[in-house]
């Protein structure tokens, strides 16, 4: 995963961004695998809708910072 991020963020001084992107991609991949293997369609839909609501709240609260 780290080498994939090296193709996106390749400058040596951007190593922190590479590590953060690699960790984020690992988390997303893990969440996707868990949802695929252990959840029903209804549970997956509820999870996605909660993530969408969280994203909307985060964007709205960001404007007040």
C-alpha atoms as a PDB file:
ATOM      1  CA  UNK A   1       0.000   0.000   0.000  1.00  0.00           C
ATOM      2  CA  UNK A   2       2.835   2.356   0.784  1.00  0.00           C
ATOM      3  CA  UNK A   3       4.206   1.941  -2.741  1.00  0.00           C
ATOM      4  CA  UNK A   4       0.811   2.846  -4.238  1.00  0.00           C
ATOM      5  CA  UNK A   5       0.931   6.096  -2.293  1.00  0.00           C
ATOM      6  CA  UNK A   6       4.466   6.654  -3.564  1.00  0.00           C
ATOM      7  CA  UNK A   7       2.962   6.969  -7.042  1.00  0.00           C
ATOM      8  CA  UNK A   8       0.572   9.662  -5.818  1.00  0.00           C
ATOM      9  CA  UNK A   9       2.769  11.616  -3.394  1.00  0.00           C
ATOM     10  CA  UNK A  10       6.342  11.084  -4.543  1.00  0.00           C
ATOM     11  CA  UNK A  11       8.338  13.971  -3.079  1.00  0.00           C
ATOM     12  CA  UNK A  12      10.644  12.958  -0.192  1.00  0.00           C
ATOM     13  CA  UNK A  13       9.406  15.742   2.089  1.00  0.00           C
ATOM     14  CA  UNK A  14       5.832  14.457   1.767  1.00  0.00           C
ATOM     15  CA  UNK A  15       6.470  11.207   3.623  1.00  0.00           C
ATOM     16  CA  UNK A  16       3.872  12.036   6.291  1.00  0.00           C
ATOM     17  CA  UNK A  17       1.190  12.399   3.600  1.00  0.00           C
ATOM     18  CA  UNK A  18       2.200   9.020   2.138  1.00  0.00           C
ATOM     19  CA  UNK A  19       1.903   7.342   5.528  1.00  0.00           C
ATOM     20  CA  UNK A  20      -1.467   8.981   6.229  1.00  0.00           C
ATOM     21  CA  UNK A  21      -2.857   7.980   2.829  1.00  0.00           C
ATOM     22  CA  UNK A  22      -1.602   4.410   3.233  1.00  0.00           C
ATOM     23  CA  UNK A  23      -3.249   4.143   6.669  1.00  0.00           C
ATOM     24  CA  UNK A  24      -6.485   5.609   5.316  1.00  0.00           C
ATOM     25  CA  UNK A  25      -6.512   3.146   2.417  1.00  0.00           C
ATOM     26  CA  UNK A  26      -5.898   0.238   4.794  1.00  0.00           C
ATOM     27  CA  UNK A  27      -8.804   1.359   6.980  1.00  0.00           C
ATOM     28  CA  UNK A  28     -11.152   1.699   4.011  1.00  0.00           C
ATOM     29  CA  UNK A  29     -10.089  -1.708   2.691  1.00  0.00           C
ATOM     30  CA  UNK A  30     -10.638  -3.305   6.108  1.00  0.00           C
ATOM     31  CA  UNK A  31     -14.088  -1.724   6.471  1.00  0.00           C
ATOM     32  CA  UNK A  32     -15.026  -2.904   2.977  1.00  0.00           C
ATOM     33  CA  UNK A  33     -13.903  -6.471   3.699  1.00  0.00           C
ATOM     34  CA  UNK A  34     -15.800  -6.572   7.005  1.00  0.00           C
ATOM     35  CA  UNK A  35     -18.972  -5.254   5.385  1.00  0.00           C
ATOM     36  CA  UNK A  36     -18.680  -7.712   2.513  1.00  0.00           C
ATOM     37  CA  UNK A  37     -18.127 -10.741   4.721  1.00  0.00           C
ATOM     38  CA  UNK A  38     -20.089 -10.142   7.901  1.00  0.00           C
ATOM     39  CA  UNK A  39     -23.006  -7.811   7.247  1.00  0.00           C
ATOM     40  CA  UNK A  40     -26.376  -8.171   5.646  1.00  0.00           C
ATOM     41  CA  UNK A  41     -27.597  -5.773   3.000  1.00  0.00           C
ATOM     42  CA  UNK A  42     -29.788  -3.916   5.514  1.00  0.00           C
ATOM     43  CA  UNK A  43     -26.897  -3.490   7.961  1.00  0.00           C
ATOM     44  CA  UNK A  44     -24.653  -2.274   5.159  1.00  0.00           C
ATOM     45  CA  UNK A  45     -27.248   0.288   4.032  1.00  0.00           C
ATOM     46  CA  UNK A  46     -27.608   1.585   7.608  1.00  0.00           C
ATOM     47  CA  UNK A  47     -23.825   1.857   7.932  1.00  0.00           C
ATOM     48  CA  UNK A  48     -23.502   3.763   4.655  1.00  0.00           C
ATOM     49  CA  UNK A  49     -26.319   6.151   5.564  1.00  0.00           C
ATOM     50  CA  UNK A  50     -24.674   6.862   8.933  1.00  0.00           C
ATOM     51  CA  UNK A  51     -21.363   7.597   7.191  1.00  0.00           C
ATOM     52  CA  UNK A  52     -23.129   9.951   4.807  1.00  0.00           C
ATOM     53  CA  UNK A  53     -24.758  11.791   7.714  1.00  0.00           C
ATOM     54  CA  UNK A  54     -21.413  12.007   9.484  1.00  0.00           C
ATOM     55  CA  UNK A  55     -19.842  13.472   6.353  1.00  0.00           C
ATOM     56  CA  UNK A  56     -22.546  16.105   6.039  1.00  0.00           C
ATOM     57  CA  UNK A  57     -22.192  17.112   9.693  1.00  0.00           C
ATOM     58  CA  UNK A  58     -18.416  17.329   9.359  1.00  0.00           C
ATOM     59  CA  UNK A  59     -18.615  19.562   6.308  1.00  0.00           C
ATOM     60  CA  UNK A  60     -21.145  21.858   7.967  1.00  0.00           C
ATOM     61  CA  UNK A  61     -19.139  22.144  11.184  1.00  0.00           C
ATOM     62  CA  UNK A  62     -15.965  22.855   9.200  1.00  0.00           C
ATOM     63  CA  UNK A  63     -17.435  26.141   7.948  1.00  0.00           C
ATOM     64  CA  UNK A  64     -17.667  27.458  11.513  1.00  0.00           C
ATOM     65  CA  UNK A  65     -13.960  26.932  12.313  1.00  0.00           C
END
